[in-house]
């Protein structure tokens, strides 16, 4: 081996910049197209949604002759949070979510405690409780 090839094979000291195409980078390089695709598919629509929320796009889509889109800032957010119907709908959604999660955790814990004890037919009861989770994916065929 020559000296240049030998120098690239030696590990670099801590804090020094190494070869960008070293072994860990070469292993991860094939994942780059998938990462870029996922960013494009998920984050780009998210950013466009934020932009649309800061414009008067609602007025543009509801008129027969569309006007140019205008930046309105946080006026849309001020309007929606001052709407009593929206606040009531938001509060109802929060209540339903909290109650569903709390009740699911409560009943799930109670069933787990009950099924943890030894009793006659324990295996059959466990099988009957788990069966809907197994049958649901196959019932859509």
N, C-alpha and C. Protein backbone atom coordinates (compact mmCIF):
# COMPACT_ATOMS: atom_id res chain seq x y z
N UNK A 1 0.84 -1.18 0.00
CA UNK A 1 0.00 0.00 0.00
C UNK A 1 0.88 1.23 0.00
N UNK A 2 0.35 2.27 -0.61
CA UNK A 2 1.11 3.51 -0.60
C UNK A 2 0.72 4.36 0.61
N UNK A 3 1.43 5.46 0.82
CA UNK A 3 1.23 6.28 2.02
C UNK A 3 -0.12 6.99 2.00
N UNK A 4 -0.61 7.40 0.84
CA UNK A 4 -1.90 8.12 0.76
C UNK A 4 -3.05 7.19 1.12
N UNK A 5 -3.03 5.97 0.61
CA UNK A 5 -4.08 5.02 0.92
C UNK A 5 -4.03 4.61 2.38
N UNK A 6 -2.81 4.50 2.92
CA UNK A 6 -2.65 4.13 4.32
C UNK A 6 -3.19 5.23 5.24
N UNK A 7 -3.04 6.50 4.85
CA UNK A 7 -3.51 7.62 5.67
C UNK A 7 -5.03 7.67 5.71
N UNK A 8 -5.70 7.29 4.63
CA UNK A 8 -7.17 7.33 4.62
C UNK A 8 -7.77 6.20 5.42
N UNK A 9 -7.03 5.12 5.63
CA UNK A 9 -7.56 3.99 6.38
C UNK A 9 -7.40 4.17 7.88
N UNK A 10 -6.50 5.05 8.32
CA UNK A 10 -6.31 5.26 9.74
C UNK A 10 -7.48 6.04 10.33
N UNK A 11 -7.91 5.70 11.55
CA UNK A 11 -8.99 6.48 12.17
C UNK A 11 -8.51 7.88 12.51
N UNK A 12 -9.41 8.84 12.41
CA UNK A 12 -9.06 10.22 12.72
C UNK A 12 -9.16 10.46 14.20
N UNK A 13 -8.45 11.44 14.68
CA UNK A 13 -8.50 11.79 16.10
C UNK A 13 -9.84 12.44 16.42
N UNK A 14 -10.19 12.38 17.68
CA UNK A 14 -11.47 12.95 18.10
C UNK A 14 -11.49 14.45 17.82
N UNK A 15 -12.57 14.93 17.22
CA UNK A 15 -12.70 16.34 16.92
C UNK A 15 -12.27 16.71 15.52
N UNK A 16 -11.62 15.80 14.81
CA UNK A 16 -11.20 16.09 13.45
C UNK A 16 -12.25 15.58 12.47
N UNK A 17 -12.33 16.27 11.36
CA UNK A 17 -13.29 15.88 10.33
C UNK A 17 -12.71 14.72 9.55
N UNK A 18 -13.48 13.63 9.44
CA UNK A 18 -13.01 12.45 8.73
C UNK A 18 -13.54 12.42 7.31
N UNK A 19 -13.36 11.32 6.68
CA UNK A 19 -13.83 11.11 5.33
C UNK A 19 -15.36 11.10 5.34
N UNK A 20 -16.02 11.96 4.53
CA UNK A 20 -17.49 11.97 4.56
C UNK A 20 -18.10 10.69 4.00
N UNK A 21 -17.33 9.90 3.28
CA UNK A 21 -17.84 8.65 2.74
C UNK A 21 -17.25 7.46 3.47
N UNK A 22 -17.05 7.64 4.77
CA UNK A 22 -16.52 6.53 5.57
C UNK A 22 -17.60 5.45 5.69
N UNK A 23 -17.27 4.39 6.34
CA UNK A 23 -18.15 3.23 6.40
C UNK A 23 -19.57 3.54 6.91
N UNK A 24 -19.74 4.27 8.02
CA UNK A 24 -21.12 4.55 8.45
C UNK A 24 -21.90 5.37 7.42
N UNK A 25 -21.24 6.31 6.75
CA UNK A 25 -21.94 7.11 5.75
C UNK A 25 -22.28 6.27 4.53
N UNK A 26 -21.39 5.38 4.13
CA UNK A 26 -21.67 4.52 2.98
C UNK A 26 -22.84 3.59 3.26
N UNK A 27 -22.96 3.15 4.50
CA UNK A 27 -24.10 2.28 4.84
C UNK A 27 -25.41 3.03 4.82
N UNK A 28 -25.38 4.31 5.16
CA UNK A 28 -26.62 5.09 5.23
C UNK A 28 -26.98 5.79 3.92
N UNK A 29 -26.07 5.88 3.00
CA UNK A 29 -26.30 6.60 1.76
C UNK A 29 -27.48 6.06 0.95
N UNK A 30 -27.71 4.75 0.88
CA UNK A 30 -28.88 4.26 0.13
C UNK A 30 -30.22 4.71 0.73
N UNK A 31 -30.23 5.12 2.00
CA UNK A 31 -31.47 5.58 2.62
C UNK A 31 -31.81 7.02 2.27
N UNK A 32 -30.86 7.74 1.70
CA UNK A 32 -31.07 9.16 1.41
C UNK A 32 -32.25 9.42 0.48
N UNK A 33 -32.46 8.68 -0.62
CA UNK A 33 -33.64 8.94 -1.46
C UNK A 33 -34.95 8.75 -0.70
N UNK A 34 -35.02 7.73 0.14
CA UNK A 34 -36.24 7.50 0.91
C UNK A 34 -36.47 8.63 1.91
N UNK A 35 -35.40 9.10 2.53
CA UNK A 35 -35.51 10.21 3.48
C UNK A 35 -35.99 11.47 2.77
N UNK A 36 -35.40 11.76 1.63
CA UNK A 36 -35.82 12.94 0.87
C UNK A 36 -37.28 12.83 0.42
N UNK A 37 -37.69 11.63 0.00
CA UNK A 37 -39.07 11.42 -0.41
C UNK A 37 -40.03 11.62 0.76
N UNK A 38 -39.67 11.10 1.94
CA UNK A 38 -40.53 11.26 3.10
C UNK A 38 -40.63 12.72 3.52
N UNK A 39 -39.53 13.44 3.45
CA UNK A 39 -39.58 14.87 3.76
C UNK A 39 -40.47 15.60 2.77
N UNK A 40 -40.33 15.26 1.50
CA UNK A 40 -41.14 15.89 0.46
C UNK A 40 -42.63 15.59 0.65
N UNK A 41 -42.95 14.35 0.97
CA UNK A 41 -44.36 13.94 1.07
C UNK A 41 -45.01 14.45 2.36
N UNK A 42 -44.26 14.54 3.45
CA UNK A 42 -44.88 14.92 4.72
C UNK A 42 -44.68 16.39 5.08
N UNK A 43 -43.48 16.89 4.93
CA UNK A 43 -43.19 18.24 5.42
C UNK A 43 -43.59 19.34 4.45
N UNK A 44 -43.49 19.09 3.16
CA UNK A 44 -43.88 20.11 2.20
C UNK A 44 -45.37 20.46 2.31
N UNK A 45 -46.29 19.50 2.35
CA UNK A 45 -47.69 19.85 2.55
C UNK A 45 -47.95 20.57 3.88
N UNK A 46 -47.20 20.19 4.91
CA UNK A 46 -47.34 20.86 6.20
C UNK A 46 -46.97 22.34 6.09
N UNK A 47 -45.85 22.62 5.44
CA UNK A 47 -45.42 24.01 5.27
C UNK A 47 -46.38 24.80 4.38
N UNK A 48 -46.91 24.15 3.34
CA UNK A 48 -47.88 24.82 2.47
C UNK A 48 -49.16 25.12 3.24
N UNK A 49 -49.57 24.22 4.12
CA UNK A 49 -50.76 24.45 4.95
C UNK A 49 -50.56 25.65 5.88
N UNK A 50 -49.39 25.75 6.45
CA UNK A 50 -49.11 26.91 7.30
C UNK A 50 -49.15 28.19 6.48
N UNK A 51 -48.58 28.16 5.29
CA UNK A 51 -48.62 29.35 4.42
C UNK A 51 -50.06 29.72 4.09
N UNK A 52 -50.87 28.72 3.69
CA UNK A 52 -52.27 29.00 3.36
C UNK A 52 -53.04 29.55 4.55
N UNK A 53 -52.70 29.11 5.76
CA UNK A 53 -53.42 29.60 6.93
C UNK A 53 -53.10 31.07 7.21
N UNK A 54 -52.04 31.58 6.65
CA UNK A 54 -51.66 32.98 6.85
C UNK A 54 -52.08 33.86 5.69
N UNK A 55 -52.90 33.33 4.77
CA UNK A 55 -53.38 34.11 3.63
C UNK A 55 -54.90 34.15 3.62
N UNK A 56 -55.46 34.90 2.67
CA UNK A 56 -56.92 34.98 2.54
C UNK A 56 -57.42 33.98 1.50
N UNK A 57 -56.91 32.79 1.51
CA UNK A 57 -57.26 31.78 0.51
C UNK A 57 -58.74 31.41 0.57
N UNK A 58 -59.37 31.48 1.73
CA UNK A 58 -60.79 31.16 1.85
C UNK A 58 -61.61 32.10 0.97
N UNK A 59 -61.29 33.37 0.99
CA UNK A 59 -62.01 34.32 0.14
C UNK A 59 -61.78 34.02 -1.33
N UNK A 60 -60.59 33.57 -1.67
CA UNK A 60 -60.24 33.29 -3.05
C UNK A 60 -61.02 32.09 -3.58
N UNK A 61 -61.24 31.08 -2.77
CA UNK A 61 -61.90 29.87 -3.23
C UNK A 61 -63.41 29.99 -3.25
N UNK A 62 -63.97 30.96 -2.54
CA UNK A 62 -65.42 31.06 -2.46
C UNK A 62 -66.01 32.03 -3.46
N UNK A 63 -65.19 32.77 -4.16
CA UNK A 63 -65.74 33.73 -5.12
C UNK A 63 -65.66 33.15 -6.52
N UNK A 64 -66.54 33.63 -7.39
CA UNK A 64 -66.58 33.16 -8.76
C UNK A 64 -65.37 33.65 -9.54
N UNK A 65 -64.99 34.91 -9.30
CA UNK A 65 -63.79 35.47 -9.92
C UNK A 65 -62.75 35.60 -8.82
N UNK A 66 -61.78 34.71 -8.82
CA UNK A 66 -60.82 34.73 -7.71
C UNK A 66 -59.94 35.97 -7.72
N UNK A 67 -59.67 36.47 -6.53
CA UNK A 67 -58.76 37.60 -6.36
C UNK A 67 -57.38 37.05 -6.04
N UNK A 68 -56.35 37.87 -6.21
CA UNK A 68 -55.02 37.38 -5.85
C UNK A 68 -54.92 37.11 -4.35
N UNK A 69 -54.16 36.10 -4.01
CA UNK A 69 -53.98 35.75 -2.60
C UNK A 69 -53.20 36.84 -1.91
N UNK A 70 -53.68 37.21 -0.71
CA UNK A 70 -53.05 38.29 0.05
C UNK A 70 -52.63 37.74 1.42
N UNK A 71 -51.46 38.14 1.88
CA UNK A 71 -50.97 37.73 3.19
C UNK A 71 -51.73 38.51 4.26
N UNK A 72 -52.38 37.79 5.20
CA UNK A 72 -53.15 38.45 6.25
C UNK A 72 -52.56 38.21 7.63
N UNK A 73 -51.48 37.47 7.71
CA UNK A 73 -50.84 37.22 9.01
C UNK A 73 -51.68 36.32 9.89
N UNK A 74 -51.76 36.67 11.17
CA UNK A 74 -52.49 35.81 12.11
C UNK A 74 -53.94 36.24 12.29
N UNK A 75 -54.46 37.05 11.36
CA UNK A 75 -55.87 37.46 11.45
C UNK A 75 -56.82 36.26 11.39
N UNK A 76 -56.49 35.24 10.59
CA UNK A 76 -57.32 34.04 10.53
C UNK A 76 -57.39 33.35 11.89
N UNK A 77 -56.25 33.27 12.57
CA UNK A 77 -56.22 32.64 13.88
C UNK A 77 -56.98 33.47 14.92
N UNK A 78 -56.87 34.78 14.85
CA UNK A 78 -57.63 35.64 15.75
C UNK A 78 -59.13 35.44 15.55
N UNK A 79 -59.53 35.33 14.30
CA UNK A 79 -60.96 35.17 14.00
C UNK A 79 -61.48 33.83 14.49
N UNK A 80 -60.73 32.77 14.27
CA UNK A 80 -61.24 31.45 14.65
C UNK A 80 -61.25 31.26 16.16
N UNK A 81 -60.25 31.80 16.86
CA UNK A 81 -60.24 31.62 18.31
C UNK A 81 -61.21 32.55 19.02
N UNK A 82 -61.71 33.56 18.33
CA UNK A 82 -62.74 34.42 18.93
C UNK A 82 -64.15 33.91 18.61
N UNK A 83 -64.26 32.90 17.79
CA UNK A 83 -65.56 32.33 17.42
C UNK A 83 -66.03 31.40 18.53
N UNK A 84 -67.19 31.66 19.15
CA UNK A 84 -67.66 30.80 20.25
C UNK A 84 -67.99 29.37 19.80
N UNK A 85 -68.46 29.21 18.56
CA UNK A 85 -68.76 27.86 18.07
C UNK A 85 -67.49 27.03 17.98
N UNK A 86 -66.39 27.62 17.51
CA UNK A 86 -65.12 26.90 17.42
C UNK A 86 -64.61 26.53 18.81
N UNK A 87 -64.72 27.47 19.75
CA UNK A 87 -64.25 27.16 21.11
C UNK A 87 -65.06 26.03 21.73
N UNK A 88 -66.36 26.03 21.50
CA UNK A 88 -67.20 24.95 22.02
C UNK A 88 -66.84 23.62 21.37
N UNK A 89 -66.62 23.62 20.06
CA UNK A 89 -66.24 22.40 19.35
C UNK A 89 -64.88 21.90 19.84
N UNK A 90 -63.96 22.82 20.07
CA UNK A 90 -62.63 22.44 20.57
C UNK A 90 -62.75 21.83 21.96
N UNK A 91 -63.53 22.45 22.83
CA UNK A 91 -63.70 21.93 24.19
C UNK A 91 -64.36 20.55 24.17
N UNK A 92 -65.35 20.35 23.29
CA UNK A 92 -66.00 19.05 23.17
C UNK A 92 -65.00 18.00 22.69
N UNK A 93 -64.15 18.34 21.74
CA UNK A 93 -63.14 17.40 21.25
C UNK A 93 -62.14 17.03 22.35
N UNK A 94 -61.73 18.00 23.14
CA UNK A 94 -60.80 17.74 24.23
C UNK A 94 -61.45 16.82 25.26
N UNK A 95 -62.69 17.12 25.62
CA UNK A 95 -63.39 16.28 26.59
C UNK A 95 -63.53 14.84 26.10
N UNK A 96 -63.94 14.67 24.85
CA UNK A 96 -64.12 13.32 24.32
C UNK A 96 -62.80 12.57 24.27
N UNK A 97 -61.73 13.25 23.90
CA UNK A 97 -60.42 12.60 23.84
C UNK A 97 -59.94 12.19 25.22
N UNK A 98 -60.05 13.09 26.18
CA UNK A 98 -59.60 12.80 27.54
C UNK A 98 -60.42 11.66 28.14
N UNK A 99 -61.74 11.72 27.99
CA UNK A 99 -62.57 10.66 28.54
C UNK A 99 -62.29 9.32 27.88
N UNK A 100 -62.09 9.30 26.57
CA UNK A 100 -61.81 8.05 25.88
C UNK A 100 -60.48 7.46 26.35
N UNK A 101 -59.47 8.29 26.50
CA UNK A 101 -58.15 7.79 26.92
C UNK A 101 -58.21 7.32 28.37
N UNK A 102 -58.82 8.11 29.24
CA UNK A 102 -58.89 7.74 30.66
C UNK A 102 -59.69 6.45 30.84
N UNK A 103 -60.84 6.35 30.17
CA UNK A 103 -61.65 5.14 30.31
C UNK A 103 -60.93 3.93 29.71
N UNK A 104 -60.26 4.10 28.59
CA UNK A 104 -59.52 2.98 28.00
C UNK A 104 -58.42 2.49 28.92
N UNK A 105 -57.67 3.41 29.49
CA UNK A 105 -56.60 3.02 30.41
C UNK A 105 -57.19 2.36 31.65
N UNK A 106 -58.27 2.92 32.18
CA UNK A 106 -58.89 2.36 33.38
C UNK A 106 -59.42 0.95 33.14
N UNK A 107 -60.23 0.77 32.10
CA UNK A 107 -60.78 -0.56 31.82
C UNK A 107 -59.70 -1.54 31.40
N UNK A 108 -58.73 -1.10 30.62
CA UNK A 108 -57.63 -1.97 30.22
C UNK A 108 -56.84 -2.46 31.41
N UNK A 109 -56.57 -1.56 32.35
CA UNK A 109 -55.83 -1.96 33.56
C UNK A 109 -56.66 -2.92 34.41
N UNK A 110 -57.95 -2.64 34.54
CA UNK A 110 -58.81 -3.55 35.32
C UNK A 110 -58.88 -4.94 34.70
N UNK A 111 -59.05 -4.99 33.37
CA UNK A 111 -59.07 -6.31 32.70
C UNK A 111 -57.72 -7.01 32.84
N UNK A 112 -56.63 -6.27 32.75
CA UNK A 112 -55.31 -6.89 32.89
C UNK A 112 -55.11 -7.45 34.29
N UNK A 113 -55.57 -6.72 35.30
CA UNK A 113 -55.45 -7.21 36.68
C UNK A 113 -56.32 -8.45 36.89
N UNK A 114 -57.53 -8.42 36.35
CA UNK A 114 -58.42 -9.58 36.49
C UNK A 114 -57.88 -10.80 35.75
N UNK A 115 -57.33 -10.61 34.56
CA UNK A 115 -56.83 -11.74 33.79
C UNK A 115 -55.49 -12.25 34.28
N UNK A 116 -54.83 -11.49 35.13
CA UNK A 116 -53.55 -11.92 35.66
C UNK A 116 -53.73 -12.96 36.76
N UNK A 117 -54.89 -13.00 37.37
CA UNK A 117 -55.16 -13.96 38.44
C UNK A 117 -55.48 -15.33 37.83
N UNK A 118 -55.20 -16.36 38.58
CA UNK A 118 -55.48 -17.72 38.12
C UNK A 118 -56.95 -18.06 38.38
N UNK A 119 -57.61 -18.55 37.34
CA UNK A 119 -58.99 -19.03 37.49
C UNK A 119 -59.25 -20.07 36.41
N UNK A 120 -60.33 -20.82 36.60
CA UNK A 120 -60.70 -21.87 35.66
C UNK A 120 -61.14 -21.24 34.33
N UNK A 121 -60.55 -21.65 33.21
CA UNK A 121 -60.90 -21.12 31.89
C UNK A 121 -60.14 -19.87 31.52
N UNK A 122 -59.04 -19.59 32.22
CA UNK A 122 -58.27 -18.37 31.98
C UNK A 122 -57.76 -18.31 30.53
N UNK A 123 -57.26 -19.41 30.01
CA UNK A 123 -56.75 -19.45 28.63
C UNK A 123 -57.84 -19.18 27.62
N UNK A 124 -59.03 -19.76 27.86
CA UNK A 124 -60.16 -19.55 26.94
C UNK A 124 -60.60 -18.09 26.95
N UNK A 125 -60.69 -17.50 28.11
CA UNK A 125 -61.11 -16.09 28.21
C UNK A 125 -60.09 -15.18 27.53
N UNK A 126 -58.81 -15.44 27.74
CA UNK A 126 -57.77 -14.63 27.08
C UNK A 126 -57.85 -14.77 25.56
N UNK A 127 -58.09 -15.98 25.09
CA UNK A 127 -58.22 -16.21 23.65
C UNK A 127 -59.42 -15.46 23.09
N UNK A 128 -60.53 -15.52 23.80
CA UNK A 128 -61.73 -14.82 23.33
C UNK A 128 -61.55 -13.31 23.32
N UNK A 129 -60.79 -12.77 24.26
CA UNK A 129 -60.55 -11.33 24.29
C UNK A 129 -59.59 -10.88 23.18
N UNK A 130 -58.65 -11.73 22.81
CA UNK A 130 -57.66 -11.36 21.79
C UNK A 130 -58.16 -11.65 20.38
N UNK A 131 -59.10 -12.54 20.21
CA UNK A 131 -59.58 -12.95 18.89
C UNK A 131 -60.05 -11.78 18.02
N UNK A 132 -60.80 -10.79 18.52
CA UNK A 132 -61.20 -9.69 17.63
C UNK A 132 -60.02 -8.95 17.01
N UNK A 133 -58.91 -8.85 17.73
CA UNK A 133 -57.74 -8.18 17.16
C UNK A 133 -57.15 -8.98 16.01
N UNK A 134 -57.30 -10.30 16.08
CA UNK A 134 -56.77 -11.15 15.02
C UNK A 134 -57.70 -11.24 13.83
N UNK A 135 -59.00 -11.18 14.07
CA UNK A 135 -59.97 -11.34 13.00
C UNK A 135 -60.23 -10.06 12.23
N UNK A 136 -60.07 -8.91 12.83
CA UNK A 136 -60.42 -7.66 12.16
C UNK A 136 -59.65 -7.44 10.85
N UNK A 137 -58.32 -7.64 10.79
CA UNK A 137 -57.64 -7.42 9.52
C UNK A 137 -58.10 -8.37 8.42
N UNK A 138 -58.45 -9.59 8.76
CA UNK A 138 -58.85 -10.55 7.72
C UNK A 138 -60.30 -10.38 7.32
N UNK A 139 -61.12 -9.65 8.07
CA UNK A 139 -62.54 -9.51 7.73
C UNK A 139 -62.75 -8.49 6.63
N UNK A 140 -61.71 -7.74 6.25
CA UNK A 140 -61.86 -6.74 5.19
C UNK A 140 -61.63 -7.33 3.80
N UNK A 141 -61.30 -8.60 3.71
CA UNK A 141 -61.03 -9.21 2.41
C UNK A 141 -62.27 -9.44 1.61
